[in-house]
Amino acid sequence: MRTTLKRGVGRGAALGGTDSAPASSGSLAPVAIYQQPAPPPRSGSSLALRILGWATLVLAVVAVGTAGGAYLYVHES
């Protein structure tokens, strides 16, 4: 449900001919601000393992591409 409908603006408001919120003597309730918890700190070994994994993946892609190119070159020659 939209906040404007809860506060009496829009289709949920009483039929008074205006689109503004009704005048109230008190203020609205305070807004709660939620924040995401901080991510856990990364250890040095975790970062090194991640870098090693990406490097291995890149090396494997290059090796497979080179092997495929060599196969096509030899096959066409």
PDB file of N, CA and C in Angstrom:
ATOM      1  N   MET A   1       0.841  -1.164   0.000  1.00  0.00           N
ATOM      2  CA  MET A   1       0.000   0.000   0.000  1.00  0.00           C
ATOM      3  C   MET A   1       0.891   1.233   0.000  1.00  0.00           C
ATOM      4  N   ARG A   2       0.537   2.189  -0.777  1.00  0.00           N
ATOM      5  CA  ARG A   2       1.335   3.406  -0.851  1.00  0.00           C
ATOM      6  C   ARG A   2       1.180   4.237   0.411  1.00  0.00           C
ATOM      7  N   THR A   3       2.239   4.934   0.739  1.00  0.00           N
ATOM      8  CA  THR A   3       2.213   5.778   1.934  1.00  0.00           C
ATOM      9  C   THR A   3       1.191   6.884   1.801  1.00  0.00           C
ATOM     10  N   THR A   4       1.009   7.404   0.587  1.00  0.00           N
ATOM     11  CA  THR A   4       0.055   8.499   0.408  1.00  0.00           C
ATOM     12  C   THR A   4      -1.361   8.041   0.706  1.00  0.00           C
ATOM     13  N   LEU A   5      -1.660   6.763   0.435  1.00  0.00           N
ATOM     14  CA  LEU A   5      -2.994   6.267   0.731  1.00  0.00           C
ATOM     15  C   LEU A   5      -3.198   6.133   2.237  1.00  0.00           C
ATOM     16  N   LYS A   6      -2.144   5.785   2.957  1.00  0.00           N
ATOM     17  CA  LYS A   6      -2.256   5.649   4.401  1.00  0.00           C
ATOM     18  C   LYS A   6      -2.470   7.005   5.067  1.00  0.00           C
ATOM     19  N   ARG A   7      -1.927   8.042   4.495  1.00  0.00           N
ATOM     20  CA  ARG A   7      -2.003   9.362   5.108  1.00  0.00           C
ATOM     21  C   ARG A   7      -3.212  10.173   4.646  1.00  0.00           C
ATOM     22  N   GLY A   8      -4.072   9.595   3.852  1.00  0.00           N
ATOM     23  CA  GLY A   8      -5.283  10.280   3.467  1.00  0.00           C
ATOM     24  C   GLY A   8      -5.143  11.105   2.208  1.00  0.00           C
ATOM     25  N   VAL A   9      -4.179  10.792   1.352  1.00  0.00           N
ATOM     26  CA  VAL A   9      -4.019  11.503   0.091  1.00  0.00           C
ATOM     27  C   VAL A   9      -4.261  10.496  -1.017  1.00  0.00           C
ATOM     28  N   GLY A  10      -4.957  10.906  -2.054  1.00  0.00           N
ATOM     29  CA  GLY A  10      -5.197  10.022  -3.176  1.00  0.00           C
ATOM     30  C   GLY A  10      -6.569   9.387  -3.092  1.00  0.00           C
ATOM     31  N   ARG A  11      -6.686   8.154  -3.620  1.00  0.00           N
ATOM     32  CA  ARG A  11      -7.984   7.490  -3.678  1.00  0.00           C
ATOM     33  C   ARG A  11      -8.526   7.138  -2.298  1.00  0.00           C
ATOM     34  N   GLY A  12      -7.642   6.960  -1.321  1.00  0.00           N
ATOM     35  CA  GLY A  12      -8.087   6.582   0.003  1.00  0.00           C
ATOM     36  C   GLY A  12      -8.571   7.744   0.838  1.00  0.00           C
ATOM     37  N   ALA A  13      -8.445   8.954   0.346  1.00  0.00           N
ATOM     38  CA  ALA A  13      -8.841  10.128   1.117  1.00  0.00           C
ATOM     39  C   ALA A  13     -10.355  10.310   1.070  1.00  0.00           C
ATOM     40  N   ALA A  14     -10.844  11.050   2.022  1.00  0.00           N
ATOM     41  CA  ALA A  14     -12.275  11.368   2.030  1.00  0.00           C
ATOM     42  C   ALA A  14     -12.577  12.306   0.873  1.00  0.00           C
ATOM     43  N   LEU A  15     -13.762  12.240   0.353  1.00  0.00           N
ATOM     44  CA  LEU A  15     -14.119  13.071  -0.784  1.00  0.00           C
ATOM     45  C   LEU A  15     -14.359  14.500  -0.312  1.00  0.00           C
ATOM     46  N   GLY A  16     -13.350  15.349  -0.518  1.00  0.00           N
ATOM     47  CA  GLY A  16     -13.474  16.732  -0.119  1.00  0.00           C
ATOM     48  C   GLY A  16     -13.209  17.667  -1.272  1.00  0.00           C
ATOM     49  N   GLY A  17     -12.804  17.111  -2.417  1.00  0.00           N
ATOM     50  CA  GLY A  17     -12.543  17.947  -3.572  1.00  0.00           C
ATOM     51  C   GLY A  17     -11.113  18.426  -3.671  1.00  0.00           C
ATOM     52  N   THR A  18     -10.259  18.061  -2.721  1.00  0.00           N
ATOM     53  CA  THR A  18      -8.861  18.481  -2.788  1.00  0.00           C
ATOM     54  C   THR A  18      -7.972  17.259  -2.801  1.00  0.00           C
ATOM     55  N   ASP A  19      -6.775  17.434  -3.304  1.00  0.00           N
ATOM     56  CA  ASP A  19      -5.813  16.337  -3.332  1.00  0.00           C
ATOM     57  C   ASP A  19      -4.775  16.462  -2.239  1.00  0.00           C
ATOM     58  N   SER A  20      -4.907  17.412  -1.372  1.00  0.00           N
ATOM     59  CA  SER A  20      -3.907  17.590  -0.328  1.00  0.00           C
ATOM     60  C   SER A  20      -4.300  16.795   0.907  1.00  0.00           C
ATOM     61  N   ALA A  21      -3.315  16.570   1.765  1.00  0.00           N
ATOM     62  CA  ALA A  21      -3.558  15.829   2.992  1.00  0.00           C
ATOM     63  C   ALA A  21      -4.379  16.685   3.945  1.00  0.00           C
ATOM     64  N   PRO A  22      -5.198  16.067   4.754  1.00  0.00           N
ATOM     65  CA  PRO A  22      -5.975  16.853   5.703  1.00  0.00           C
ATOM     66  C   PRO A  22      -5.062  17.507   6.738  1.00  0.00           C
ATOM     67  N   ALA A  23      -5.459  18.678   7.189  1.00  0.00           N
ATOM     68  CA  ALA A  23      -4.662  19.386   8.190  1.00  0.00           C
ATOM     69  C   ALA A  23      -4.741  18.634   9.505  1.00  0.00           C
ATOM     70  N   SER A  24      -3.598  18.454  10.129  1.00  0.00           N
ATOM     71  CA  SER A  24      -3.572  17.753  11.395  1.00  0.00           C
ATOM     72  C   SER A  24      -2.874  18.623  12.429  1.00  0.00           C
ATOM     73  N   SER A  25      -3.253  18.463  13.668  1.00  0.00           N
ATOM     74  CA  SER A  25      -2.655  19.279  14.718  1.00  0.00           C
ATOM     75  C   SER A  25      -1.293  18.734  15.135  1.00  0.00           C
ATOM     76  N   GLY A  26      -1.055  17.436  14.994  1.00  0.00           N
ATOM     77  CA  GLY A  26       0.222  16.833  15.401  1.00  0.00           C
ATOM     78  C   GLY A  26       1.079  16.504  14.197  1.00  0.00           C
ATOM     79  N   SER A  27       2.312  16.214  14.438  1.00  0.00           N
ATOM     80  CA  SER A  27       3.200  15.845  13.342  1.00  0.00           C
ATOM     81  C   SER A  27       3.104  14.344  13.090  1.00  0.00           C
ATOM     82  N   LEU A  28       3.616  13.926  11.983  1.00  0.00           N
ATOM     83  CA  LEU A  28       3.605  12.515  11.638  1.00  0.00           C
ATOM     84  C   LEU A  28       4.630  11.776  12.485  1.00  0.00           C
ATOM     85  N   ALA A  29       4.491  10.491  12.542  1.00  0.00           N
ATOM     86  CA  ALA A  29       5.416   9.674  13.322  1.00  0.00           C
ATOM     87  C   ALA A  29       6.816   9.780  12.729  1.00  0.00           C
ATOM     88  N   PRO A  30       7.843   9.655  13.540  1.00  0.00           N
ATOM     89  CA  PRO A  30       9.210   9.729  13.007  1.00  0.00           C
ATOM     90  C   PRO A  30       9.495   8.572  12.055  1.00  0.00           C
ATOM     91  N   VAL A  31      10.353   8.826  11.102  1.00  0.00           N
ATOM     92  CA  VAL A  31      10.696   7.831  10.096  1.00  0.00           C
ATOM     93  C   VAL A  31      11.871   7.014  10.596  1.00  0.00           C
ATOM     94  N   ALA A  32      11.741   5.713  10.546  1.00  0.00           N
ATOM     95  CA  ALA A  32      12.842   4.830  10.944  1.00  0.00           C
ATOM     96  C   ALA A  32      13.775   4.644   9.756  1.00  0.00           C
ATOM     97  N   ILE A  33      15.051   4.848   9.967  1.00  0.00           N
ATOM     98  CA  ILE A  33      16.047   4.685   8.913  1.00  0.00           C
ATOM     99  C   ILE A  33      16.807   3.391   9.175  1.00  0.00           C
ATOM    100  N   TYR A  34      16.695   2.480   8.225  1.00  0.00           N
ATOM    101  CA  TYR A  34      17.352   1.187   8.360  1.00  0.00           C
ATOM    102  C   TYR A  34      18.621   1.180   7.524  1.00  0.00           C
ATOM    103  N   GLN A  35      19.662   0.534   8.031  1.00  0.00           N
ATOM    104  CA  GLN A  35      20.928   0.435   7.309  1.00  0.00           C
ATOM    105  C   GLN A  35      21.338  -1.025   7.238  1.00  0.00           C
ATOM    106  N   GLN A  36      22.006  -1.357   6.148  1.00  0.00           N
ATOM    107  CA  GLN A  36      22.526  -2.700   5.998  1.00  0.00           C
ATOM    108  C   GLN A  36      23.706  -2.891   6.945  1.00  0.00           C
ATOM    109  N   PRO A  37      23.863  -4.075   7.507  1.00  0.00           N
ATOM    110  CA  PRO A  37      25.034  -4.302   8.353  1.00  0.00           C
ATOM    111  C   PRO A  37      26.305  -4.275   7.513  1.00  0.00           C
ATOM    112  N   ALA A  38      27.391  -3.881   8.131  1.00  0.00           N
ATOM    113  CA  ALA A  38      28.671  -3.817   7.415  1.00  0.00           C
ATOM    114  C   ALA A  38      29.099  -5.219   7.007  1.00  0.00           C
ATOM    115  N   PRO A  39      29.661  -5.372   5.806  1.00  0.00           N
ATOM    116  CA  PRO A  39      30.114  -6.697   5.383  1.00  0.00           C
ATOM    117  C   PRO A  39      31.280  -7.155   6.257  1.00  0.00           C
ATOM    118  N   PRO A  40      31.428  -8.458   6.430  1.00  0.00           N
ATOM    119  CA  PRO A  40      32.538  -8.950   7.250  1.00  0.00           C
ATOM    120  C   PRO A  40      33.872  -8.608   6.586  1.00  0.00           C
ATOM    121  N   PRO A  41      34.888  -8.343   7.361  1.00  0.00           N
ATOM    122  CA  PRO A  41      36.185  -8.003   6.769  1.00  0.00           C
ATOM    123  C   PRO A  41      36.784  -9.210   6.040  1.00  0.00           C
ATOM    124  N   ARG A  42      37.455  -8.929   4.937  1.00  0.00           N
ATOM    125  CA  ARG A  42      38.077  -9.995   4.155  1.00  0.00           C
ATOM    126  C   ARG A  42      39.483 -10.250   4.680  1.00  0.00           C
ATOM    127  N   SER A  43      39.812 -11.516   4.749  1.00  0.00           N
ATOM    128  CA  SER A  43      41.164 -11.852   5.183  1.00  0.00           C
ATOM    129  C   SER A  43      42.102 -11.819   3.979  1.00  0.00           C
ATOM    130  N   GLY A  44      43.395 -11.747   4.248  1.00  0.00           N
ATOM    131  CA  GLY A  44      44.381 -11.702   3.168  1.00  0.00           C
ATOM    132  C   GLY A  44      44.393 -12.982   2.357  1.00  0.00           C
ATOM    133  N   SER A  45      44.199 -14.135   3.028  1.00  0.00           N
ATOM    134  CA  SER A  45      44.222 -15.400   2.296  1.00  0.00           C
ATOM    135  C   SER A  45      42.990 -15.528   1.390  1.00  0.00           C
ATOM    136  N   SER A  46      41.870 -14.981   1.819  1.00  0.00           N
ATOM    137  CA  SER A  46      40.666 -15.023   0.995  1.00  0.00           C
ATOM    138  C   SER A  46      40.864 -14.199  -0.278  1.00  0.00           C
ATOM    139  N   LEU A  47      41.475 -13.027  -0.133  1.00  0.00           N
ATOM    140  CA  LEU A  47      41.731 -12.182  -1.299  1.00  0.00           C
ATOM    141  C   LEU A  47      42.737 -12.841  -2.236  1.00  0.00           C
ATOM    142  N   ALA A  48      43.791 -13.440  -1.676  1.00  0.00           N
ATOM    143  CA  ALA A  48      44.793 -14.112  -2.500  1.00  0.00           C
ATOM    144  C   ALA A  48      44.185 -15.300  -3.240  1.00  0.00           C
ATOM    145  N   LEU A  49      43.317 -16.038  -2.560  1.00  0.00           N
ATOM    146  CA  LEU A  49      42.671 -17.182  -3.202  1.00  0.00           C
ATOM    147  C   LEU A  49      41.748 -16.729  -4.334  1.00  0.00           C
ATOM    148  N   ARG A  50      41.060 -15.630  -4.135  1.00  0.00           N
ATOM    149  CA  ARG A  50      40.178 -15.101  -5.179  1.00  0.00           C
ATOM    150  C   ARG A  50      40.992 -14.653  -6.396  1.00  0.00           C
ATOM    151  N   ILE A  51      42.095 -13.961  -6.178  1.00  0.00           N
ATOM    152  CA  ILE A  51      42.954 -13.517  -7.280  1.00  0.00           C
ATOM    153  C   ILE A  51      43.540 -14.718  -8.011  1.00  0.00           C
ATOM    154  N   LEU A  52      43.974 -15.734  -7.249  1.00  0.00           N
ATOM    155  CA  LEU A  52      44.528 -16.940  -7.867  1.00  0.00           C
ATOM    156  C   LEU A  52      43.473 -17.661  -8.705  1.00  0.00           C
ATOM    157  N   GLY A  53      42.246 -17.703  -8.230  1.00  0.00           N
ATOM    158  CA  GLY A  53      41.172 -18.352  -8.986  1.00  0.00           C
ATOM    159  C   GLY A  53      40.887 -17.640 -10.302  1.00  0.00           C
ATOM    160  N   TRP A  54      40.806 -16.297 -10.272  1.00  0.00           N
ATOM    161  CA  TRP A  54      40.570 -15.542 -11.505  1.00  0.00           C
ATOM    162  C   TRP A  54      41.743 -15.687 -12.473  1.00  0.00           C
ATOM    163  N   ALA A  55      42.966 -15.663 -11.941  1.00  0.00           N
ATOM    164  CA  ALA A  55      44.145 -15.817 -12.808  1.00  0.00           C
ATOM    165  C   ALA A  55      44.138 -17.193 -13.476  1.00  0.00           C
ATOM    166  N   THR A  56      43.748 -18.225 -12.726  1.00  0.00           N
ATOM    167  CA  THR A  56      43.672 -19.576 -13.288  1.00  0.00           C
ATOM    168  C   THR A  56      42.609 -19.644 -14.384  1.00  0.00           C
ATOM    169  N   LEU A  57      41.495 -19.016 -14.150  1.00  0.00           N
ATOM    170  CA  LEU A  57      40.426 -19.002 -15.154  1.00  0.00           C
ATOM    171  C   LEU A  57      40.876 -18.301 -16.434  1.00  0.00           C
ATOM    172  N   VAL A  58      41.534 -17.155 -16.292  1.00  0.00           N
ATOM    173  CA  VAL A  58      42.016 -16.421 -17.471  1.00  0.00           C
ATOM    174  C   VAL A  58      43.059 -17.253 -18.214  1.00  0.00           C
ATOM    175  N   LEU A  59      43.955 -17.881 -17.470  1.00  0.00           N
ATOM    176  CA  LEU A  59      44.982 -18.722 -18.091  1.00  0.00           C
ATOM    177  C   LEU A  59      44.346 -19.903 -18.825  1.00  0.00           C
ATOM    178  N   ALA A  60      43.324 -20.503 -18.253  1.00  0.00           N
ATOM    179  CA  ALA A  60      42.655 -21.631 -18.900  1.00  0.00           C
ATOM    180  C   ALA A  60      41.967 -21.183 -20.195  1.00  0.00           C
ATOM    181  N   VAL A  61      41.335 -20.023 -20.179  1.00  0.00           N
ATOM    182  CA  VAL A  61      40.669 -19.518 -21.386  1.00  0.00           C
ATOM    183  C   VAL A  61      41.698 -19.247 -22.484  1.00  0.00           C
ATOM    184  N   VAL A  62      42.817 -18.633 -22.110  1.00  0.00           N
ATOM    185  CA  VAL A  62      43.865 -18.352 -23.099  1.00  0.00           C
ATOM    186  C   VAL A  62      44.438 -19.658 -23.641  1.00  0.00           C
ATOM    187  N   ALA A  63      44.662 -20.645 -22.767  1.00  0.00           N
ATOM    188  CA  ALA A  63      45.224 -21.929 -23.206  1.00  0.00           C
ATOM    189  C   ALA A  63      44.269 -22.650 -24.150  1.00  0.00           C
ATOM    190  N   VAL A  64      42.990 -22.662 -23.839  1.00  0.00           N
ATOM    191  CA  VAL A  64      42.009 -23.334 -24.705  1.00  0.00           C
ATOM    192  C   VAL A  64      41.897 -22.598 -26.039  1.00  0.00           C
ATOM    193  N   GLY A  65      41.931 -21.278 -26.009  1.00  0.00           N
ATOM    194  CA  GLY A  65      41.883 -20.512 -27.254  1.00  0.00           C
ATOM    195  C   GLY A  65      43.106 -20.762 -28.126  1.00  0.00           C
ATOM    196  N   THR A  66      44.282 -20.811 -27.496  1.00  0.00           N
ATOM    197  CA  THR A  66      45.515 -21.079 -28.248  1.00  0.00           C
ATOM    198  C   THR A  66      45.499 -22.486 -28.828  1.00  0.00           C
ATOM    199  N   ALA A  67      45.055 -23.464 -28.029  1.00  0.00           N
ATOM    200  CA  ALA A  67      44.990 -24.846 -28.521  1.00  0.00           C
ATOM    201  C   ALA A  67      43.989 -24.961 -29.669  1.00  0.00           C
ATOM    202  N   GLY A  68      42.861 -24.281 -29.563  1.00  0.00           N
ATOM    203  CA  GLY A  68      41.881 -24.316 -30.652  1.00  0.00           C
ATOM    204  C   GLY A  68      42.424 -23.670 -31.918  1.00  0.00           C
ATOM    205  N   GLY A  69      43.098 -22.540 -31.747  1.00  0.00           N
ATOM    206  CA  GLY A  69      43.696 -21.878 -32.910  1.00  0.00           C
ATOM    207  C   GLY A  69      44.768 -22.733 -33.561  1.00  0.00           C
ATOM    208  N   ALA A  70      45.613 -23.381 -32.737  1.00  0.00           N
ATOM    209  CA  ALA A  70      46.657 -24.259 -33.280  1.00  0.00           C
ATOM    210  C   ALA A  70      46.031 -25.438 -34.014  1.00  0.00           C
ATOM    211  N   TYR A  71      44.956 -26.005 -33.449  1.00  0.00           N
ATOM    212  CA  TYR A  71      44.286 -27.120 -34.111  1.00  0.00           C
ATOM    213  C   TYR A  71      43.739 -26.690 -35.472  1.00  0.00           C
ATOM    214  N   LEU A  72      43.083 -25.547 -35.526  1.00  0.00           N
ATOM    215  CA  LEU A  72      42.546 -25.082 -36.804  1.00  0.00           C
ATOM    216  C   LEU A  72      43.651 -24.782 -37.808  1.00  0.00           C
ATOM    217  N   TYR A  73      44.767 -24.211 -37.322  1.00  0.00           N
ATOM    218  CA  TYR A  73      45.872 -23.896 -38.224  1.00  0.00           C
ATOM    219  C   TYR A  73      46.460 -25.189 -38.807  1.00  0.00           C
ATOM    220  N   VAL A  74      46.673 -26.186 -37.940  1.00  0.00           N
ATOM    221  CA  VAL A  74      47.257 -27.444 -38.418  1.00  0.00           C
ATOM    222  C   VAL A  74      46.267 -28.190 -39.298  1.00  0.00           C
ATOM    223  N   HIS A  75      45.016 -28.155 -38.965  1.00  0.00           N
ATOM    224  CA  HIS A  75      43.994 -28.863 -39.731  1.00  0.00           C
ATOM    225  C   HIS A  75      43.808 -28.263 -41.119  1.00  0.00           C
ATOM    226  N   GLU A  76      43.936 -26.953 -41.261  1.00  0.00           N
ATOM    227  CA  GLU A  76      43.777 -26.299 -42.541  1.00  0.00           C
ATOM    228  C   GLU A  76      45.034 -26.322 -43.388  1.00  0.00           C
ATOM    229  N   SER A  77      46.184 -26.586 -42.765  1.00  0.00           N
ATOM    230  CA  SER A  77      47.449 -26.593 -43.525  1.00  0.00           C
ATOM    231  C   SER A  77      47.655 -27.900 -44.250  1.00  0.00           C
TER     232      SER A  77
END
